[in-house]
Amino acid sequence: ACAEYLAREIGPFTLFATHYFELTVLPDRIDSIANVHLTAAEHGHGIVFLHSVKHGPASQSYGLQVAGLAGVPQKVLAHARERLLDLENNAVTQNNKRPQRQLSLFPAEPEHAVIAMLAKLQPDNLTPKQALDALYKLKATIKS
Protein backbone atom coordinates (compact mmCIF):
# COMPACT_ATOMS: atom_id res chain seq x y z
CA ALA A 1 0.00 0.00 0.00
CA CYS A 2 2.85 2.40 0.83
CA ALA A 3 4.65 1.70 -2.44
CA GLU A 4 1.46 2.16 -4.45
CA TYR A 5 0.59 5.41 -2.67
CA LEU A 6 4.08 6.80 -3.20
CA ALA A 7 4.07 5.88 -6.89
CA ARG A 8 0.57 7.13 -7.65
CA GLU A 9 0.25 10.16 -5.39
CA ILE A 10 3.71 11.55 -4.71
CA GLY A 11 5.98 10.19 -7.45
CA PRO A 12 9.34 10.33 -5.63
CA PHE A 13 12.47 8.47 -6.64
CA THR A 14 12.34 5.68 -4.06
CA LEU A 15 14.18 2.42 -3.57
CA PHE A 16 12.42 -0.46 -1.82
CA ALA A 17 14.58 -3.37 -0.69
CA THR A 18 12.30 -6.23 0.24
CA HIS A 19 11.83 -9.97 0.09
CA TYR A 20 8.04 -9.69 -0.37
CA PHE A 21 7.37 -11.20 -3.78
CA GLU A 22 3.91 -9.58 -3.74
CA LEU A 23 5.61 -6.25 -4.52
CA THR A 24 7.12 -7.63 -7.72
CA VAL A 25 3.74 -7.35 -9.52
CA LEU A 26 3.55 -3.58 -9.04
CA PRO A 27 5.27 -2.76 -12.37
CA ASP A 28 2.40 -4.62 -14.09
CA ARG A 29 -0.04 -2.11 -12.59
CA ILE A 30 1.98 1.10 -12.29
CA ASP A 31 4.16 2.29 -15.19
CA SER A 32 6.51 4.35 -13.02
CA ILE A 33 7.65 1.32 -10.99
CA ALA A 34 10.46 -1.02 -12.08
CA ASN A 35 11.95 -4.16 -10.55
CA VAL A 36 15.70 -4.61 -10.35
CA HIS A 37 17.82 -6.93 -8.27
CA LEU A 38 21.45 -7.58 -7.43
CA THR A 39 22.90 -10.84 -8.60
CA ALA A 40 23.98 -13.01 -5.70
CA ALA A 41 26.09 -16.06 -5.04
CA GLU A 42 25.18 -18.39 -2.21
CA HIS A 43 27.63 -20.54 -0.29
CA GLY A 44 26.31 -22.66 2.54
CA HIS A 45 23.96 -20.49 4.56
CA GLY A 46 25.78 -17.33 3.48
CA ILE A 47 25.49 -15.01 0.52
CA VAL A 48 27.62 -12.57 -1.43
CA PHE A 49 25.87 -9.86 -3.40
CA LEU A 50 27.69 -9.19 -6.63
CA HIS A 51 28.11 -5.75 -8.14
CA SER A 52 25.70 -6.42 -10.97
CA VAL A 53 22.21 -4.97 -11.19
CA LYS A 54 19.73 -6.93 -13.31
CA HIS A 55 16.25 -6.03 -14.51
CA GLY A 56 13.29 -7.89 -13.01
CA PRO A 57 12.67 -9.38 -9.58
CA ALA A 58 15.05 -11.78 -7.87
CA SER A 59 14.26 -15.45 -8.38
CA GLN A 60 14.16 -16.12 -4.65
CA SER A 61 14.21 -14.44 -1.26
CA TYR A 62 17.49 -13.95 0.53
CA GLY A 63 15.84 -12.74 3.74
CA LEU A 64 17.59 -15.18 6.07
CA GLN A 65 20.98 -14.58 4.47
CA VAL A 66 20.53 -10.81 4.74
CA ALA A 67 19.47 -11.23 8.38
CA GLY A 68 22.74 -13.08 8.95
CA LEU A 69 24.70 -10.26 7.33
CA ALA A 70 22.85 -7.82 9.61
CA GLY A 71 24.06 -9.69 12.69
CA VAL A 72 21.01 -11.72 13.69
CA PRO A 73 22.28 -14.48 16.03
CA GLN A 74 22.91 -17.92 14.48
CA LYS A 75 20.52 -19.55 16.96
CA VAL A 76 17.70 -17.32 15.70
CA LEU A 77 18.61 -17.95 12.06
CA ALA A 78 18.67 -21.73 12.62
CA HIS A 79 15.20 -21.57 14.16
CA ALA A 80 13.98 -19.36 11.31
CA ARG A 81 15.30 -21.90 8.76
CA GLU A 82 13.32 -24.64 10.53
CA ARG A 83 10.15 -22.52 10.54
CA LEU A 84 10.62 -21.61 6.88
CA LEU A 85 11.00 -25.27 5.96
CA ASP A 86 7.82 -26.11 7.92
CA LEU A 87 5.90 -23.31 6.22
CA GLU A 88 7.12 -24.31 2.77
CA ASN A 89 6.30 -27.98 3.34
CA ASN A 90 2.82 -27.19 4.65
CA ALA A 91 2.14 -24.73 1.84
CA VAL A 92 3.14 -27.24 -0.84
CA THR A 93 1.01 -30.04 0.61
CA GLN A 94 -2.12 -27.87 0.48
CA ASN A 95 -3.36 -28.43 -3.09
CA ASN A 96 0.26 -28.53 -4.29
CA LYS A 97 0.21 -24.73 -4.50
CA ARG A 98 1.95 -22.07 -2.47
CA PRO A 99 -0.27 -19.54 -0.74
CA GLN A 100 -0.74 -16.28 -2.62
CA ARG A 101 -1.45 -14.17 0.46
CA GLN A 102 0.77 -12.84 3.16
CA LEU A 103 0.15 -14.54 6.49
CA SER A 104 -1.78 -12.39 8.94
CA LEU A 105 -0.08 -10.85 11.94
CA PHE A 106 -3.35 -10.97 13.83
CA PRO A 107 -5.02 -14.09 15.23
CA ALA A 108 -7.87 -15.46 13.15
CA GLU A 109 -11.38 -14.95 14.38
CA PRO A 110 -12.79 -18.17 15.81
CA GLU A 111 -15.02 -19.96 13.34
CA HIS A 112 -18.72 -19.36 13.98
CA ALA A 113 -20.67 -22.50 14.87
CA VAL A 114 -22.97 -22.03 11.87
CA ILE A 115 -20.00 -21.98 9.50
CA ALA A 116 -18.68 -25.19 11.05
CA MET A 117 -22.10 -26.82 10.72
CA LEU A 118 -22.45 -25.74 7.09
CA ALA A 119 -18.99 -27.05 6.26
CA LYS A 120 -20.00 -30.51 7.50
CA LEU A 121 -23.30 -30.60 5.60
CA GLN A 122 -23.52 -32.60 2.41
CA PRO A 123 -26.76 -31.32 0.84
CA ASP A 124 -26.77 -33.86 -1.98
CA ASN A 125 -26.93 -36.67 0.59
CA LEU A 126 -29.88 -35.25 2.58
CA THR A 127 -33.52 -36.10 2.25
CA PRO A 128 -35.87 -33.11 2.13
CA LYS A 129 -36.79 -33.74 5.80
CA GLN A 130 -33.11 -33.92 6.85
CA ALA A 131 -32.40 -30.69 4.97
CA LEU A 132 -35.30 -28.95 6.75
CA ASP A 133 -34.09 -30.26 10.12
CA ALA A 134 -30.60 -28.96 9.35
CA LEU A 135 -32.04 -25.54 8.52
CA TYR A 136 -33.85 -25.42 11.85
CA LYS A 137 -30.62 -26.39 13.68
CA LEU A 138 -28.74 -23.62 11.88
CA LYS A 139 -31.41 -21.09 12.74
CA ALA A 140 -31.42 -22.17 16.39
CA THR A 141 -27.63 -21.84 16.50
CA ILE A 142 -27.84 -18.26 15.22
CA LYS A 143 -30.30 -17.32 17.95
CA SER A 144 -28.10 -18.73 20.72
C-alpha atoms as a PDB file:
ATOM      1  CA  ALA A   1       0.000   0.000   0.000  1.00  0.00           C
ATOM      2  CA  CYS A   2       2.847   2.398   0.830  1.00  0.00           C
ATOM      3  CA  ALA A   3       4.650   1.696  -2.438  1.00  0.00           C
ATOM      4  CA  GLU A   4       1.459   2.160  -4.455  1.00  0.00           C
ATOM      5  CA  TYR A   5       0.594   5.405  -2.666  1.00  0.00           C
ATOM      6  CA  LEU A   6       4.079   6.804  -3.202  1.00  0.00           C
ATOM      7  CA  ALA A   7       4.072   5.879  -6.894  1.00  0.00           C
ATOM      8  CA  ARG A   8       0.571   7.134  -7.652  1.00  0.00           C
ATOM      9  CA  GLU A   9       0.246  10.159  -5.394  1.00  0.00           C
ATOM     10  CA  ILE A  10       3.709  11.547  -4.709  1.00  0.00           C
ATOM     11  CA  GLY A  11       5.983  10.190  -7.449  1.00  0.00           C
ATOM     12  CA  PRO A  12       9.341  10.334  -5.635  1.00  0.00           C
ATOM     13  CA  PHE A  13      12.472   8.468  -6.640  1.00  0.00           C
ATOM     14  CA  THR A  14      12.343   5.684  -4.064  1.00  0.00           C
ATOM     15  CA  LEU A  15      14.179   2.421  -3.568  1.00  0.00           C
ATOM     16  CA  PHE A  16      12.420  -0.458  -1.817  1.00  0.00           C
ATOM     17  CA  ALA A  17      14.576  -3.366  -0.686  1.00  0.00           C
ATOM     18  CA  THR A  18      12.301  -6.232   0.240  1.00  0.00           C
ATOM     19  CA  HIS A  19      11.827  -9.970   0.094  1.00  0.00           C
ATOM     20  CA  TYR A  20       8.040  -9.692  -0.368  1.00  0.00           C
ATOM     21  CA  PHE A  21       7.366 -11.200  -3.777  1.00  0.00           C
ATOM     22  CA  GLU A  22       3.912  -9.576  -3.744  1.00  0.00           C
ATOM     23  CA  LEU A  23       5.614  -6.254  -4.516  1.00  0.00           C
ATOM     24  CA  THR A  24       7.116  -7.630  -7.723  1.00  0.00           C
ATOM     25  CA  VAL A  25       3.738  -7.355  -9.519  1.00  0.00           C
ATOM     26  CA  LEU A  26       3.546  -3.575  -9.042  1.00  0.00           C
ATOM     27  CA  PRO A  27       5.270  -2.762 -12.373  1.00  0.00           C
ATOM     28  CA  ASP A  28       2.402  -4.617 -14.091  1.00  0.00           C
ATOM     29  CA  ARG A  29      -0.040  -2.107 -12.594  1.00  0.00           C
ATOM     30  CA  ILE A  30       1.985   1.104 -12.295  1.00  0.00           C
ATOM     31  CA  ASP A  31       4.157   2.285 -15.186  1.00  0.00           C
ATOM     32  CA  SER A  32       6.510   4.353 -13.023  1.00  0.00           C
ATOM     33  CA  ILE A  33       7.653   1.315 -10.991  1.00  0.00           C
ATOM     34  CA  ALA A  34      10.458  -1.017 -12.076  1.00  0.00           C
ATOM     35  CA  ASN A  35      11.950  -4.157 -10.555  1.00  0.00           C
ATOM     36  CA  VAL A  36      15.701  -4.607 -10.354  1.00  0.00           C
ATOM     37  CA  HIS A  37      17.824  -6.929  -8.274  1.00  0.00           C
ATOM     38  CA  LEU A  38      21.448  -7.577  -7.425  1.00  0.00           C
ATOM     39  CA  THR A  39      22.903 -10.838  -8.597  1.00  0.00           C
ATOM     40  CA  ALA A  40      23.984 -13.009  -5.699  1.00  0.00           C
ATOM     41  CA  ALA A  41      26.092 -16.055  -5.043  1.00  0.00           C
ATOM     42  CA  GLU A  42      25.181 -18.395  -2.209  1.00  0.00           C
ATOM     43  CA  HIS A  43      27.630 -20.541  -0.293  1.00  0.00           C
ATOM     44  CA  GLY A  44      26.314 -22.660   2.540  1.00  0.00           C
ATOM     45  CA  HIS A  45      23.957 -20.488   4.558  1.00  0.00           C
ATOM     46  CA  GLY A  46      25.775 -17.331   3.478  1.00  0.00           C
ATOM     47  CA  ILE A  47      25.491 -15.013   0.515  1.00  0.00           C
ATOM     48  CA  VAL A  48      27.624 -12.569  -1.432  1.00  0.00           C
ATOM     49  CA  PHE A  49      25.865  -9.855  -3.400  1.00  0.00           C
ATOM     50  CA  LEU A  50      27.695  -9.194  -6.627  1.00  0.00           C
ATOM     51  CA  HIS A  51      28.109  -5.749  -8.135  1.00  0.00           C
ATOM     52  CA  SER A  52      25.698  -6.423 -10.973  1.00  0.00           C
ATOM     53  CA  VAL A  53      22.208  -4.970 -11.192  1.00  0.00           C
ATOM     54  CA  LYS A  54      19.734  -6.934 -13.307  1.00  0.00           C
ATOM     55  CA  HIS A  55      16.246  -6.025 -14.507  1.00  0.00           C
ATOM     56  CA  GLY A  56      13.291  -7.892 -13.006  1.00  0.00           C
ATOM     57  CA  PRO A  57      12.673  -9.380  -9.576  1.00  0.00           C
ATOM     58  CA  ALA A  58      15.052 -11.783  -7.872  1.00  0.00           C
ATOM     59  CA  SER A  59      14.260 -15.448  -8.384  1.00  0.00           C
ATOM     60  CA  GLN A  60      14.156 -16.121  -4.646  1.00  0.00           C
ATOM     61  CA  SER A  61      14.211 -14.441  -1.264  1.00  0.00           C
ATOM     62  CA  TYR A  62      17.487 -13.949   0.533  1.00  0.00           C
ATOM     63  CA  GLY A  63      15.839 -12.741   3.738  1.00  0.00           C
ATOM     64  CA  LEU A  64      17.587 -15.178   6.067  1.00  0.00           C
ATOM     65  CA  GLN A  65      20.978 -14.582   4.471  1.00  0.00           C
ATOM     66  CA  VAL A  66      20.525 -10.806   4.744  1.00  0.00           C
ATOM     67  CA  ALA A  67      19.474 -11.234   8.381  1.00  0.00           C
ATOM     68  CA  GLY A  68      22.743 -13.079   8.950  1.00  0.00           C
ATOM     69  CA  LEU A  69      24.697 -10.257   7.326  1.00  0.00           C
ATOM     70  CA  ALA A  70      22.849  -7.818   9.605  1.00  0.00           C
ATOM     71  CA  GLY A  71      24.064  -9.687  12.689  1.00  0.00           C
ATOM     72  CA  VAL A  72      21.007 -11.720  13.692  1.00  0.00           C
ATOM     73  CA  PRO A  73      22.279 -14.479  16.033  1.00  0.00           C
ATOM     74  CA  GLN A  74      22.912 -17.920  14.483  1.00  0.00           C
ATOM     75  CA  LYS A  75      20.517 -19.546  16.963  1.00  0.00           C
ATOM     76  CA  VAL A  76      17.696 -17.318  15.700  1.00  0.00           C
ATOM     77  CA  LEU A  77      18.614 -17.954  12.055  1.00  0.00           C
ATOM     78  CA  ALA A  78      18.667 -21.726  12.619  1.00  0.00           C
ATOM     79  CA  HIS A  79      15.196 -21.573  14.156  1.00  0.00           C
ATOM     80  CA  ALA A  80      13.984 -19.355  11.305  1.00  0.00           C
ATOM     81  CA  ARG A  81      15.297 -21.897   8.756  1.00  0.00           C
ATOM     82  CA  GLU A  82      13.317 -24.638  10.530  1.00  0.00           C
ATOM     83  CA  ARG A  83      10.148 -22.520  10.543  1.00  0.00           C
ATOM     84  CA  LEU A  84      10.624 -21.606   6.880  1.00  0.00           C
ATOM     85  CA  LEU A  85      11.002 -25.266   5.963  1.00  0.00           C
ATOM     86  CA  ASP A  86       7.825 -26.113   7.922  1.00  0.00           C
ATOM     87  CA  LEU A  87       5.901 -23.309   6.220  1.00  0.00           C
ATOM     88  CA  GLU A  88       7.117 -24.309   2.769  1.00  0.00           C
ATOM     89  CA  ASN A  89       6.305 -27.984   3.343  1.00  0.00           C
ATOM     90  CA  ASN A  90       2.818 -27.187   4.652  1.00  0.00           C
ATOM     91  CA  ALA A  91       2.144 -24.734   1.836  1.00  0.00           C
ATOM     92  CA  VAL A  92       3.142 -27.242  -0.839  1.00  0.00           C
ATOM     93  CA  THR A  93       1.011 -30.037   0.606  1.00  0.00           C
ATOM     94  CA  GLN A  94      -2.116 -27.869   0.482  1.00  0.00           C
ATOM     95  CA  ASN A  95      -3.359 -28.432  -3.085  1.00  0.00           C
ATOM     96  CA  ASN A  96       0.265 -28.531  -4.290  1.00  0.00           C
ATOM     97  CA  LYS A  97       0.211 -24.731  -4.496  1.00  0.00           C
ATOM     98  CA  ARG A  98       1.955 -22.072  -2.473  1.00  0.00           C
ATOM     99  CA  PRO A  99      -0.269 -19.542  -0.737  1.00  0.00           C
ATOM    100  CA  GLN A 100      -0.744 -16.275  -2.615  1.00  0.00           C
ATOM    101  CA  ARG A 101      -1.452 -14.174   0.458  1.00  0.00           C
ATOM    102  CA  GLN A 102       0.770 -12.840   3.162  1.00  0.00           C
ATOM    103  CA  LEU A 103       0.153 -14.542   6.492  1.00  0.00           C
ATOM    104  CA  SER A 104      -1.783 -12.387   8.943  1.00  0.00           C
ATOM    105  CA  LEU A 105      -0.076 -10.845  11.938  1.00  0.00           C
ATOM    106  CA  PHE A 106      -3.354 -10.975  13.827  1.00  0.00           C
ATOM    107  CA  PRO A 107      -5.024 -14.085  15.235  1.00  0.00           C
ATOM    108  CA  ALA A 108      -7.867 -15.458  13.146  1.00  0.00           C
ATOM    109  CA  GLU A 109     -11.376 -14.954  14.384  1.00  0.00           C
ATOM    110  CA  PRO A 110     -12.793 -18.172  15.810  1.00  0.00           C
ATOM    111  CA  GLU A 111     -15.022 -19.960  13.339  1.00  0.00           C
ATOM    112  CA  HIS A 112     -18.719 -19.363  13.977  1.00  0.00           C
ATOM    113  CA  ALA A 113     -20.671 -22.503  14.872  1.00  0.00           C
ATOM    114  CA  VAL A 114     -22.973 -22.027  11.869  1.00  0.00           C
ATOM    115  CA  ILE A 115     -20.000 -21.983   9.502  1.00  0.00           C
ATOM    116  CA  ALA A 116     -18.677 -25.187  11.051  1.00  0.00           C
ATOM    117  CA  MET A 117     -22.096 -26.824  10.725  1.00  0.00           C
ATOM    118  CA  LEU A 118     -22.445 -25.738   7.093  1.00  0.00           C
ATOM    119  CA  ALA A 119     -18.989 -27.053   6.260  1.00  0.00           C
ATOM    120  CA  LYS A 120     -20.004 -30.511   7.502  1.00  0.00           C
ATOM    121  CA  LEU A 121     -23.303 -30.596   5.601  1.00  0.00           C
ATOM    122  CA  GLN A 122     -23.524 -32.596   2.412  1.00  0.00           C
ATOM    123  CA  PRO A 123     -26.765 -31.317   0.839  1.00  0.00           C
ATOM    124  CA  ASP A 124     -26.773 -33.864  -1.982  1.00  0.00           C
ATOM    125  CA  ASN A 125     -26.930 -36.670   0.587  1.00  0.00           C
ATOM    126  CA  LEU A 126     -29.877 -35.246   2.576  1.00  0.00           C
ATOM    127  CA  THR A 127     -33.523 -36.096   2.248  1.00  0.00           C
ATOM    128  CA  PRO A 128     -35.866 -33.108   2.127  1.00  0.00           C
ATOM    129  CA  LYS A 129     -36.793 -33.738   5.800  1.00  0.00           C
ATOM    130  CA  GLN A 130     -33.109 -33.920   6.851  1.00  0.00           C
ATOM    131  CA  ALA A 131     -32.399 -30.686   4.974  1.00  0.00           C
ATOM    132  CA  LEU A 132     -35.297 -28.952   6.745  1.00  0.00           C
ATOM    133  CA  ASP A 133     -34.086 -30.256  10.124  1.00  0.00           C
ATOM    134  CA  ALA A 134     -30.596 -28.959   9.349  1.00  0.00           C
ATOM    135  CA  LEU A 135     -32.042 -25.538   8.515  1.00  0.00           C
ATOM    136  CA  TYR A 136     -33.848 -25.423  11.854  1.00  0.00           C
ATOM    137  CA  LYS A 137     -30.619 -26.391  13.677  1.00  0.00           C
ATOM    138  CA  LEU A 138     -28.736 -23.623  11.884  1.00  0.00           C
ATOM    139  CA  LYS A 139     -31.408 -21.089  12.742  1.00  0.00           C
ATOM    140  CA  ALA A 140     -31.423 -22.173  16.391  1.00  0.00           C
ATOM    141  CA  THR A 141     -27.627 -21.836  16.499  1.00  0.00           C
ATOM    142  CA  ILE A 142     -27.840 -18.262  15.217  1.00  0.00           C
ATOM    143  CA  LYS A 143     -30.300 -17.324  17.947  1.00  0.00           C
ATOM    144  CA  SER A 144     -28.100 -18.725  20.722  1.00  0.00           C
END
